[in-house]
Amino acid sequence: MNIQKKTCQKMIFFAFCFVALGALYIYGINKTAVRAFGKSVDNKRITEMEEEVRALETERAHLAIGSWLETRAQRYELVAAGKVHVLSRDVAIVRAE
């Protein structure tokens, strides 16, 4: 009877170890998957931010060229014919009345 009790205790111990190690294994795989998907989301966000930075740099360049053109126009005594209207959001196209 004592041998049966020890055998039963060993089986319970091994079953507990099997379940515990299985849970840790599944937790590890889940953590790895979450990191992998998190990296892909982060990479998409980085790509979006890089596109936004390029757009802002382009807009800054357009704004900088505007003041340069104004100083050049003043140097050559050029005057706008009338009120200036912006025809496009990127400020590359304008029209003077």
PDB file of N, CA and C in Angstrom:
ATOM      1  N   MET A   1       0.814  -1.178   0.000  1.00  0.00           N
ATOM      2  CA  MET A   1       0.000   0.000   0.000  1.00  0.00           C
ATOM      3  C   MET A   1       0.864   1.250   0.000  1.00  0.00           C
ATOM      4  N   ASN A   2       1.941   1.231   0.697  1.00  0.00           N
ATOM      5  CA  ASN A   2       2.868   2.350   0.772  1.00  0.00           C
ATOM      6  C   ASN A   2       3.494   2.603  -0.599  1.00  0.00           C
ATOM      7  N   ILE A   3       3.789   1.561  -1.340  1.00  0.00           N
ATOM      8  CA  ILE A   3       4.392   1.692  -2.676  1.00  0.00           C
ATOM      9  C   ILE A   3       3.377   2.305  -3.634  1.00  0.00           C
ATOM     10  N   GLN A   4       2.129   1.912  -3.532  1.00  0.00           N
ATOM     11  CA  GLN A   4       1.079   2.472  -4.382  1.00  0.00           C
ATOM     12  C   GLN A   4       0.877   3.965  -4.098  1.00  0.00           C
ATOM     13  N   LYS A   5       0.967   4.343  -2.844  1.00  0.00           N
ATOM     14  CA  LYS A   5       0.798   5.739  -2.458  1.00  0.00           C
ATOM     15  C   LYS A   5       1.927   6.599  -3.020  1.00  0.00           C
ATOM     16  N   LYS A   6       3.182   6.067  -2.939  1.00  0.00           N
ATOM     17  CA  LYS A   6       4.323   6.809  -3.488  1.00  0.00           C
ATOM     18  C   LYS A   6       4.224   6.912  -5.005  1.00  0.00           C
ATOM     19  N   THR A   7       3.773   5.847  -5.646  1.00  0.00           N
ATOM     20  CA  THR A   7       3.623   5.854  -7.097  1.00  0.00           C
ATOM     21  C   THR A   7       2.557   6.876  -7.503  1.00  0.00           C
ATOM     22  N   CYS A   8       1.462   6.903  -6.779  1.00  0.00           N
ATOM     23  CA  CYS A   8       0.390   7.866  -7.052  1.00  0.00           C
ATOM     24  C   CYS A   8       0.887   9.300  -6.847  1.00  0.00           C
ATOM     25  N   GLN A   9       1.662   9.530  -5.797  1.00  0.00           N
ATOM     26  CA  GLN A   9       2.203  10.860  -5.536  1.00  0.00           C
ATOM     27  C   GLN A   9       3.166  11.282  -6.647  1.00  0.00           C
ATOM     28  N   LYS A  10       3.989  10.345  -7.116  1.00  0.00           N
ATOM     29  CA  LYS A  10       4.920  10.653  -8.215  1.00  0.00           C
ATOM     30  C   LYS A  10       4.154  10.995  -9.484  1.00  0.00           C
ATOM     31  N   MET A  11       3.079  10.249  -9.758  1.00  0.00           N
ATOM     32  CA  MET A  11       2.286  10.512 -10.962  1.00  0.00           C
ATOM     33  C   MET A  11       1.634  11.897 -10.880  1.00  0.00           C
ATOM     34  N   ILE A  12       1.120  12.234  -9.709  1.00  0.00           N
ATOM     35  CA  ILE A  12       0.524  13.563  -9.521  1.00  0.00           C
ATOM     36  C   ILE A  12       1.578  14.645  -9.680  1.00  0.00           C
ATOM     37  N   PHE A  13       2.758  14.420  -9.106  1.00  0.00           N
ATOM     38  CA  PHE A  13       3.857  15.391  -9.227  1.00  0.00           C
ATOM     39  C   PHE A  13       4.259  15.579 -10.685  1.00  0.00           C
ATOM     40  N   PHE A  14       4.419  14.475 -11.443  1.00  0.00           N
ATOM     41  CA  PHE A  14       4.800  14.569 -12.850  1.00  0.00           C
ATOM     42  C   PHE A  14       3.691  15.231 -13.688  1.00  0.00           C
ATOM     43  N   ALA A  15       2.444  14.938 -13.369  1.00  0.00           N
ATOM     44  CA  ALA A  15       1.333  15.574 -14.080  1.00  0.00           C
ATOM     45  C   ALA A  15       1.340  17.075 -13.817  1.00  0.00           C
ATOM     46  N   PHE A  16       1.564  17.481 -12.572  1.00  0.00           N
ATOM     47  CA  PHE A  16       1.638  18.903 -12.232  1.00  0.00           C
ATOM     48  C   PHE A  16       2.796  19.572 -12.971  1.00  0.00           C
ATOM     49  N   CYS A  17       3.954  18.920 -12.982  1.00  0.00           N
ATOM     50  CA  CYS A  17       5.117  19.479 -13.695  1.00  0.00           C
ATOM     51  C   CYS A  17       4.823  19.608 -15.181  1.00  0.00           C
ATOM     52  N   PHE A  18       4.163  18.594 -15.757  1.00  0.00           N
ATOM     53  CA  PHE A  18       3.823  18.626 -17.182  1.00  0.00           C
ATOM     54  C   PHE A  18       2.894  19.810 -17.485  1.00  0.00           C
ATOM     55  N   VAL A  19       1.882  19.999 -16.669  1.00  0.00           N
ATOM     56  CA  VAL A  19       0.939  21.104 -16.872  1.00  0.00           C
ATOM     57  C   VAL A  19       1.646  22.447 -16.680  1.00  0.00           C
ATOM     58  N   ALA A  20       2.480  22.566 -15.662  1.00  0.00           N
ATOM     59  CA  ALA A  20       3.181  23.829 -15.395  1.00  0.00           C
ATOM     60  C   ALA A  20       4.134  24.167 -16.537  1.00  0.00           C
ATOM     61  N   LEU A  21       4.909  23.182 -16.986  1.00  0.00           N
ATOM     62  CA  LEU A  21       5.836  23.442 -18.093  1.00  0.00           C
ATOM     63  C   LEU A  21       5.084  23.741 -19.387  1.00  0.00           C
ATOM     64  N   GLY A  22       3.961  23.074 -19.604  1.00  0.00           N
ATOM     65  CA  GLY A  22       3.138  23.356 -20.791  1.00  0.00           C
ATOM     66  C   GLY A  22       2.604  24.776 -20.756  1.00  0.00           C
ATOM     67  N   ALA A  23       2.159  25.215 -19.584  1.00  0.00           N
ATOM     68  CA  ALA A  23       1.658  26.585 -19.456  1.00  0.00           C
ATOM     69  C   ALA A  23       2.766  27.600 -19.712  1.00  0.00           C
ATOM     70  N   LEU A  24       3.953  27.345 -19.188  1.00  0.00           N
ATOM     71  CA  LEU A  24       5.082  28.256 -19.433  1.00  0.00           C
ATOM     72  C   LEU A  24       5.456  28.278 -20.910  1.00  0.00           C
ATOM     73  N   TYR A  25       5.397  27.131 -21.568  1.00  0.00           N
ATOM     74  CA  TYR A  25       5.712  27.046 -22.997  1.00  0.00           C
ATOM     75  C   TYR A  25       4.703  27.874 -23.802  1.00  0.00           C
ATOM     76  N   ILE A  26       3.423  27.693 -23.510  1.00  0.00           N
ATOM     77  CA  ILE A  26       2.382  28.445 -24.224  1.00  0.00           C
ATOM     78  C   ILE A  26       2.525  29.945 -23.946  1.00  0.00           C
ATOM     79  N   TYR A  27       2.838  30.317 -22.714  1.00  0.00           N
ATOM     80  CA  TYR A  27       3.044  31.717 -22.371  1.00  0.00           C
ATOM     81  C   TYR A  27       4.202  32.301 -23.177  1.00  0.00           C
ATOM     82  N   GLY A  28       5.286  31.532 -23.299  1.00  0.00           N
ATOM     83  CA  GLY A  28       6.442  32.001 -24.069  1.00  0.00           C
ATOM     84  C   GLY A  28       6.111  32.200 -25.536  1.00  0.00           C
ATOM     85  N   ILE A  29       5.369  31.257 -26.116  1.00  0.00           N
ATOM     86  CA  ILE A  29       4.985  31.380 -27.524  1.00  0.00           C
ATOM     87  C   ILE A  29       4.066  32.586 -27.707  1.00  0.00           C
ATOM     88  N   ASN A  30       3.135  32.765 -26.788  1.00  0.00           N
ATOM     89  CA  ASN A  30       2.221  33.903 -26.866  1.00  0.00           C
ATOM     90  C   ASN A  30       2.995  35.223 -26.786  1.00  0.00           C
ATOM     91  N   LYS A  31       3.951  35.288 -25.888  1.00  0.00           N
ATOM     92  CA  LYS A  31       4.746  36.517 -25.732  1.00  0.00           C
ATOM     93  C   LYS A  31       5.544  36.804 -27.007  1.00  0.00           C
ATOM     94  N   THR A  32       6.094  35.764 -27.612  1.00  0.00           N
ATOM     95  CA  THR A  32       6.847  35.932 -28.860  1.00  0.00           C
ATOM     96  C   THR A  32       5.933  36.420 -29.978  1.00  0.00           C
ATOM     97  N   ALA A  33       4.736  35.856 -30.064  1.00  0.00           N
ATOM     98  CA  ALA A  33       3.793  36.272 -31.102  1.00  0.00           C
ATOM     99  C   ALA A  33       3.370  37.723 -30.904  1.00  0.00           C
ATOM    100  N   VAL A  34       3.121  38.109 -29.668  1.00  0.00           N
ATOM    101  CA  VAL A  34       2.727  39.490 -29.386  1.00  0.00           C
ATOM    102  C   VAL A  34       3.842  40.448 -29.779  1.00  0.00           C
ATOM    103  N   ARG A  35       5.078  40.083 -29.478  1.00  0.00           N
ATOM    104  CA  ARG A  35       6.213  40.942 -29.868  1.00  0.00           C
ATOM    105  C   ARG A  35       6.311  41.060 -31.381  1.00  0.00           C
ATOM    106  N   ALA A  36       6.135  39.923 -32.094  1.00  0.00           N
ATOM    107  CA  ALA A  36       6.254  39.940 -33.559  1.00  0.00           C
ATOM    108  C   ALA A  36       5.178  40.832 -34.166  1.00  0.00           C
ATOM    109  N   PHE A  37       3.929  40.690 -33.709  1.00  0.00           N
ATOM    110  CA  PHE A  37       2.865  41.538 -34.240  1.00  0.00           C
ATOM    111  C   PHE A  37       3.062  42.983 -33.817  1.00  0.00           C
ATOM    112  N   GLY A  38       3.576  43.198 -32.631  1.00  0.00           N
ATOM    113  CA  GLY A  38       3.852  44.556 -32.170  1.00  0.00           C
ATOM    114  C   GLY A  38       4.909  45.227 -33.027  1.00  0.00           C
ATOM    115  N   LYS A  39       5.900  44.460 -33.445  1.00  0.00           N
ATOM    116  CA  LYS A  39       6.941  45.031 -34.299  1.00  0.00           C
ATOM    117  C   LYS A  39       6.385  45.420 -35.653  1.00  0.00           C
ATOM    118  N   SER A  40       5.490  44.598 -36.211  1.00  0.00           N
ATOM    119  CA  SER A  40       4.932  44.953 -37.517  1.00  0.00           C
ATOM    120  C   SER A  40       4.068  46.209 -37.415  1.00  0.00           C
ATOM    121  N   VAL A  41       3.314  46.353 -36.323  1.00  0.00           N
ATOM    122  CA  VAL A  41       2.516  47.563 -36.117  1.00  0.00           C
ATOM    123  C   VAL A  41       3.439  48.759 -35.945  1.00  0.00           C
ATOM    124  N   ASP A  42       4.518  48.582 -35.184  1.00  0.00           N
ATOM    125  CA  ASP A  42       5.477  49.676 -34.990  1.00  0.00           C
ATOM    126  C   ASP A  42       6.131  50.067 -36.309  1.00  0.00           C
ATOM    127  N   ASN A  43       6.468  49.080 -37.138  1.00  0.00           N
ATOM    128  CA  ASN A  43       7.076  49.387 -38.433  1.00  0.00           C
ATOM    129  C   ASN A  43       6.120  50.169 -39.319  1.00  0.00           C
ATOM    130  N   LYS A  44       4.825  49.817 -39.300  1.00  0.00           N
ATOM    131  CA  LYS A  44       3.841  50.574 -40.073  1.00  0.00           C
ATOM    132  C   LYS A  44       3.754  52.007 -39.564  1.00  0.00           C
ATOM    133  N   ARG A  45       3.758  52.166 -38.253  1.00  0.00           N
ATOM    134  CA  ARG A  45       3.680  53.511 -37.661  1.00  0.00           C
ATOM    135  C   ARG A  45       4.918  54.335 -38.025  1.00  0.00           C
ATOM    136  N   ILE A  46       6.087  53.695 -38.012  1.00  0.00           N
ATOM    137  CA  ILE A  46       7.321  54.389 -38.391  1.00  0.00           C
ATOM    138  C   ILE A  46       7.245  54.835 -39.844  1.00  0.00           C
ATOM    139  N   THR A  47       6.721  53.973 -40.724  1.00  0.00           N
ATOM    140  CA  THR A  47       6.582  54.327 -42.138  1.00  0.00           C
ATOM    141  C   THR A  47       5.645  55.516 -42.304  1.00  0.00           C
ATOM    142  N   GLU A  48       4.532  55.503 -41.568  1.00  0.00           N
ATOM    143  CA  GLU A  48       3.604  56.639 -41.627  1.00  0.00           C
ATOM    144  C   GLU A  48       4.268  57.920 -41.158  1.00  0.00           C
ATOM    145  N   MET A  49       5.036  57.831 -40.076  1.00  0.00           N
ATOM    146  CA  MET A  49       5.712  59.019 -39.551  1.00  0.00           C
ATOM    147  C   MET A  49       6.759  59.529 -40.536  1.00  0.00           C
ATOM    148  N   GLU A  50       7.492  58.622 -41.198  1.00  0.00           N
ATOM    149  CA  GLU A  50       8.488  59.048 -42.185  1.00  0.00           C
ATOM    150  C   GLU A  50       7.819  59.779 -43.343  1.00  0.00           C
ATOM    151  N   GLU A  51       6.646  59.279 -43.785  1.00  0.00           N
ATOM    152  CA  GLU A  51       5.914  59.962 -44.859  1.00  0.00           C
ATOM    153  C   GLU A  51       5.456  61.349 -44.403  1.00  0.00           C
ATOM    154  N   GLU A  52       5.010  61.432 -43.162  1.00  0.00           N
ATOM    155  CA  GLU A  52       4.583  62.725 -42.627  1.00  0.00           C
ATOM    156  C   GLU A  52       5.757  63.699 -42.538  1.00  0.00           C
ATOM    157  N   VAL A  53       6.916  63.201 -42.139  1.00  0.00           N
ATOM    158  CA  VAL A  53       8.107  64.051 -42.058  1.00  0.00           C
ATOM    159  C   VAL A  53       8.490  64.543 -43.449  1.00  0.00           C
ATOM    160  N   ARG A  54       8.431  63.668 -44.463  1.00  0.00           N
ATOM    161  CA  ARG A  54       8.744  64.093 -45.829  1.00  0.00           C
ATOM    162  C   ARG A  54       7.780  65.184 -46.297  1.00  0.00           C
ATOM    163  N   ALA A  55       6.499  65.024 -45.974  1.00  0.00           N
ATOM    164  CA  ALA A  55       5.508  66.036 -46.365  1.00  0.00           C
ATOM    165  C   ALA A  55       5.800  67.360 -45.665  1.00  0.00           C
ATOM    166  N   LEU A  56       6.147  67.299 -44.381  1.00  0.00           N
ATOM    167  CA  LEU A  56       6.466  68.528 -43.652  1.00  0.00           C
ATOM    168  C   LEU A  56       7.728  69.185 -44.183  1.00  0.00           C
ATOM    169  N   GLU A  57       8.723  68.393 -44.564  1.00  0.00           N
ATOM    170  CA  GLU A  57       9.949  68.963 -45.130  1.00  0.00           C
ATOM    171  C   GLU A  57       9.660  69.642 -46.463  1.00  0.00           C
ATOM    172  N   THR A  58       8.782  69.023 -47.260  1.00  0.00           N
ATOM    173  CA  THR A  58       8.398  69.635 -48.535  1.00  0.00           C
ATOM    174  C   THR A  58       7.670  70.944 -48.298  1.00  0.00           C
ATOM    175  N   GLU A  59       6.746  70.942 -47.332  1.00  0.00           N
ATOM    176  CA  GLU A  59       6.015  72.172 -47.018  1.00  0.00           C
ATOM    177  C   GLU A  59       6.958  73.257 -46.504  1.00  0.00           C
ATOM    178  N   ARG A  60       7.917  72.875 -45.674  1.00  0.00           N
ATOM    179  CA  ARG A  60       8.896  73.838 -45.164  1.00  0.00           C
ATOM    180  C   ARG A  60       9.714  74.415 -46.309  1.00  0.00           C
ATOM    181  N   ALA A  61      10.104  73.559 -47.257  1.00  0.00           N
ATOM    182  CA  ALA A  61      10.883  74.040 -48.403  1.00  0.00           C
ATOM    183  C   ALA A  61      10.063  75.027 -49.228  1.00  0.00           C
ATOM    184  N   HIS A  62       8.778  74.743 -49.404  1.00  0.00           N
ATOM    185  CA  HIS A  62       7.936  75.674 -50.157  1.00  0.00           C
ATOM    186  C   HIS A  62       7.801  76.996 -49.428  1.00  0.00           C
ATOM    187  N   LEU A  63       7.664  76.935 -48.107  1.00  0.00           N
ATOM    188  CA  LEU A  63       7.563  78.177 -47.341  1.00  0.00           C
ATOM    189  C   LEU A  63       8.871  78.966 -47.390  1.00  0.00           C
ATOM    190  N   ALA A  64       9.990  78.264 -47.330  1.00  0.00           N
ATOM    191  CA  ALA A  64      11.292  78.937 -47.373  1.00  0.00           C
ATOM    192  C   ALA A  64      11.520  79.585 -48.730  1.00  0.00           C
ATOM    193  N   ILE A  65      11.112  78.925 -49.789  1.00  0.00           N
ATOM    194  CA  ILE A  65      11.322  79.493 -51.120  1.00  0.00           C
ATOM    195  C   ILE A  65      10.447  80.717 -51.324  1.00  0.00           C
ATOM    196  N   GLY A  66       9.302  80.766 -50.635  1.00  0.00           N
ATOM    197  CA  GLY A  66       8.411  81.931 -50.756  1.00  0.00           C
ATOM    198  C   GLY A  66       9.078  83.199 -50.266  1.00  0.00           C
ATOM    199  N   SER A  67       9.714  83.152 -49.106  1.00  0.00           N
ATOM    200  CA  SER A  67      10.384  84.351 -48.597  1.00  0.00           C
ATOM    201  C   SER A  67      11.589  84.704 -49.468  1.00  0.00           C
ATOM    202  N   TRP A  68      12.260  83.712 -50.009  1.00  0.00           N
ATOM    203  CA  TRP A  68      13.402  83.970 -50.901  1.00  0.00           C
ATOM    204  C   TRP A  68      12.923  84.679 -52.155  1.00  0.00           C
ATOM    205  N   LEU A  69      11.791  84.230 -52.690  1.00  0.00           N
ATOM    206  CA  LEU A  69      11.251  84.877 -53.881  1.00  0.00           C
ATOM    207  C   LEU A  69      10.825  86.316 -53.601  1.00  0.00           C
ATOM    208  N   GLU A  70      10.261  86.531 -52.417  1.00  0.00           N
ATOM    209  CA  GLU A  70       9.861  87.896 -52.059  1.00  0.00           C
ATOM    210  C   GLU A  70      11.064  88.830 -52.008  1.00  0.00           C
ATOM    211  N   THR A  71      12.163  88.389 -51.410  1.00  0.00           N
ATOM    212  CA  THR A  71      13.346  89.253 -51.338  1.00  0.00           C
ATOM    213  C   THR A  71      13.922  89.504 -52.724  1.00  0.00           C
ATOM    214  N   ARG A  72      13.905  88.469 -53.568  1.00  0.00           N
ATOM    215  CA  ARG A  72      14.403  88.659 -54.943  1.00  0.00           C
ATOM    216  C   ARG A  72      13.503  89.636 -55.708  1.00  0.00           C
ATOM    217  N   ALA A  73      12.203  89.521 -55.515  1.00  0.00           N
ATOM    218  CA  ALA A  73      11.260  90.411 -56.201  1.00  0.00           C
ATOM    219  C   ALA A  73      11.448  91.851 -55.733  1.00  0.00           C
ATOM    220  N   GLN A  74      11.683  92.041 -54.443  1.00  0.00           N
ATOM    221  CA  GLN A  74      11.908  93.390 -53.933  1.00  0.00           C
ATOM    222  C   GLN A  74      13.212  93.961 -54.482  1.00  0.00           C
ATOM    223  N   ARG A  75      14.222  93.100 -54.610  1.00  0.00           N
ATOM    224  CA  ARG A  75      15.500  93.586 -55.147  1.00  0.00           C
ATOM    225  C   ARG A  75      15.334  94.084 -56.578  1.00  0.00           C
ATOM    226  N   TYR A  76      14.521  93.389 -57.381  1.00  0.00           N
ATOM    227  CA  TYR A  76      14.303  93.795 -58.775  1.00  0.00           C
ATOM    228  C   TYR A  76      13.081  94.702 -58.930  1.00  0.00           C
ATOM    229  N   GLU A  77      12.544  95.152 -57.784  1.00  0.00           N
ATOM    230  CA  GLU A  77      11.420  96.078 -57.756  1.00  0.00           C
ATOM    231  C   GLU A  77      10.210  95.538 -58.506  1.00  0.00           C
ATOM    232  N   LEU A  78       9.930  94.263 -58.312  1.00  0.00           N
ATOM    233  CA  LEU A  78       8.739  93.648 -58.906  1.00  0.00           C
ATOM    234  C   LEU A  78       7.597  93.778 -57.917  1.00  0.00           C
ATOM    235  N   VAL A  79       6.408  94.035 -58.411  1.00  0.00           N
ATOM    236  CA  VAL A  79       5.235  94.236 -57.569  1.00  0.00           C
ATOM    237  C   VAL A  79       4.134  93.306 -58.062  1.00  0.00           C
ATOM    238  N   ALA A  80       3.385  92.711 -57.112  1.00  0.00           N
ATOM    239  CA  ALA A  80       2.261  91.852 -57.496  1.00  0.00           C
ATOM    240  C   ALA A  80       1.202  92.698 -58.175  1.00  0.00           C
ATOM    241  N   ALA A  81       0.579  92.142 -59.205  1.00  0.00           N
ATOM    242  CA  ALA A  81      -0.416  92.881 -59.977  1.00  0.00           C
ATOM    243  C   ALA A  81      -1.702  93.075 -59.191  1.00  0.00           C
ATOM    244  N   GLY A  82      -1.934  92.313 -58.192  1.00  0.00           N
ATOM    245  CA  GLY A  82      -3.153  92.409 -57.397  1.00  0.00           C
ATOM    246  C   GLY A  82      -3.080  91.431 -56.232  1.00  0.00           C
ATOM    247  N   LYS A  83      -4.257  91.093 -55.740  1.00  0.00           N
ATOM    248  CA  LYS A  83      -4.321  90.165 -54.622  1.00  0.00           C
ATOM    249  C   LYS A  83      -3.894  88.764 -55.081  1.00  0.00           C
ATOM    250  N   VAL A  84      -3.086  88.100 -54.272  1.00  0.00           N
ATOM    251  CA  VAL A  84      -2.582  86.777 -54.629  1.00  0.00           C
ATOM    252  C   VAL A  84      -3.497  85.716 -54.039  1.00  0.00           C
ATOM    253  N   HIS A  85      -3.879  84.746 -54.865  1.00  0.00           N
ATOM    254  CA  HIS A  85      -4.728  83.632 -54.427  1.00  0.00           C
ATOM    255  C   HIS A  85      -3.943  82.329 -54.552  1.00  0.00           C
ATOM    256  N   VAL A  86      -4.032  81.516 -53.532  1.00  0.00           N
ATOM    257  CA  VAL A  86      -3.377  80.213 -53.568  1.00  0.00           C
ATOM    258  C   VAL A  86      -4.346  79.226 -54.204  1.00  0.00           C
ATOM    259  N   LEU A  87      -3.886  78.535 -55.248  1.00  0.00           N
ATOM    260  CA  LEU A  87      -4.749  77.607 -55.968  1.00  0.00           C
ATOM    261  C   LEU A  87      -4.569  76.163 -55.517  1.00  0.00           C
ATOM    262  N   SER A  88      -3.503  75.891 -54.800  1.00  0.00           N
ATOM    263  CA  SER A  88      -3.210  74.523 -54.391  1.00  0.00           C
ATOM    264  C   SER A  88      -2.725  74.525 -52.954  1.00  0.00           C
ATOM    265  N   ARG A  89      -2.946  73.418 -52.259  1.00  0.00           N
ATOM    266  CA  ARG A  89      -2.511  73.331 -50.865  1.00  0.00           C
ATOM    267  C   ARG A  89      -0.987  73.316 -50.739  1.00  0.00           C
ATOM    268  N   ASP A  90      -0.302  72.810 -51.749  1.00  0.00           N
ATOM    269  CA  ASP A  90       1.153  72.722 -51.615  1.00  0.00           C
ATOM    270  C   ASP A  90       1.836  74.051 -51.933  1.00  0.00           C
ATOM    271  N   VAL A  91       1.109  75.094 -52.165  1.00  0.00           N
ATOM    272  CA  VAL A  91       1.572  76.468 -52.348  1.00  0.00           C
ATOM    273  C   VAL A  91       2.506  76.597 -53.558  1.00  0.00           C
ATOM    274  N   ALA A  92       2.523  75.620 -54.424  1.00  0.00           N
ATOM    275  CA  ALA A  92       3.381  75.705 -55.595  1.00  0.00           C
ATOM    276  C   ALA A  92       2.691  76.496 -56.715  1.00  0.00           C
ATOM    277  N   ILE A  93       1.367  76.584 -56.646  1.00  0.00           N
ATOM    278  CA  ILE A  93       0.622  77.266 -57.694  1.00  0.00           C
ATOM    279  C   ILE A  93      -0.125  78.440 -57.080  1.00  0.00           C
ATOM    280  N   VAL A  94       0.174  79.634 -57.530  1.00  0.00           N
ATOM    281  CA  VAL A  94      -0.546  80.823 -57.046  1.00  0.00           C
ATOM    282  C   VAL A  94      -0.946  81.657 -58.254  1.00  0.00           C
ATOM    283  N   ARG A  95      -1.919  82.511 -58.047  1.00  0.00           N
ATOM    284  CA  ARG A  95      -2.381  83.357 -59.126  1.00  0.00           C
ATOM    285  C   ARG A  95      -2.545  84.763 -58.596  1.00  0.00           C
ATOM    286  N   ALA A  96      -2.118  85.734 -59.349  1.00  0.00           N
ATOM    287  CA  ALA A  96      -2.280  87.143 -58.960  1.00  0.00           C
ATOM    288  C   ALA A  96      -3.347  87.752 -59.854  1.00  0.00           C
ATOM    289  N   GLU A  97      -4.211  88.555 -59.240  1.00  0.00           N
ATOM    290  CA  GLU A  97      -5.262  89.229 -60.013  1.00  0.00           C
ATOM    291  C   GLU A  97      -4.718  90.463 -60.682  1.00  0.00           C
TER     292      GLU A  97
END
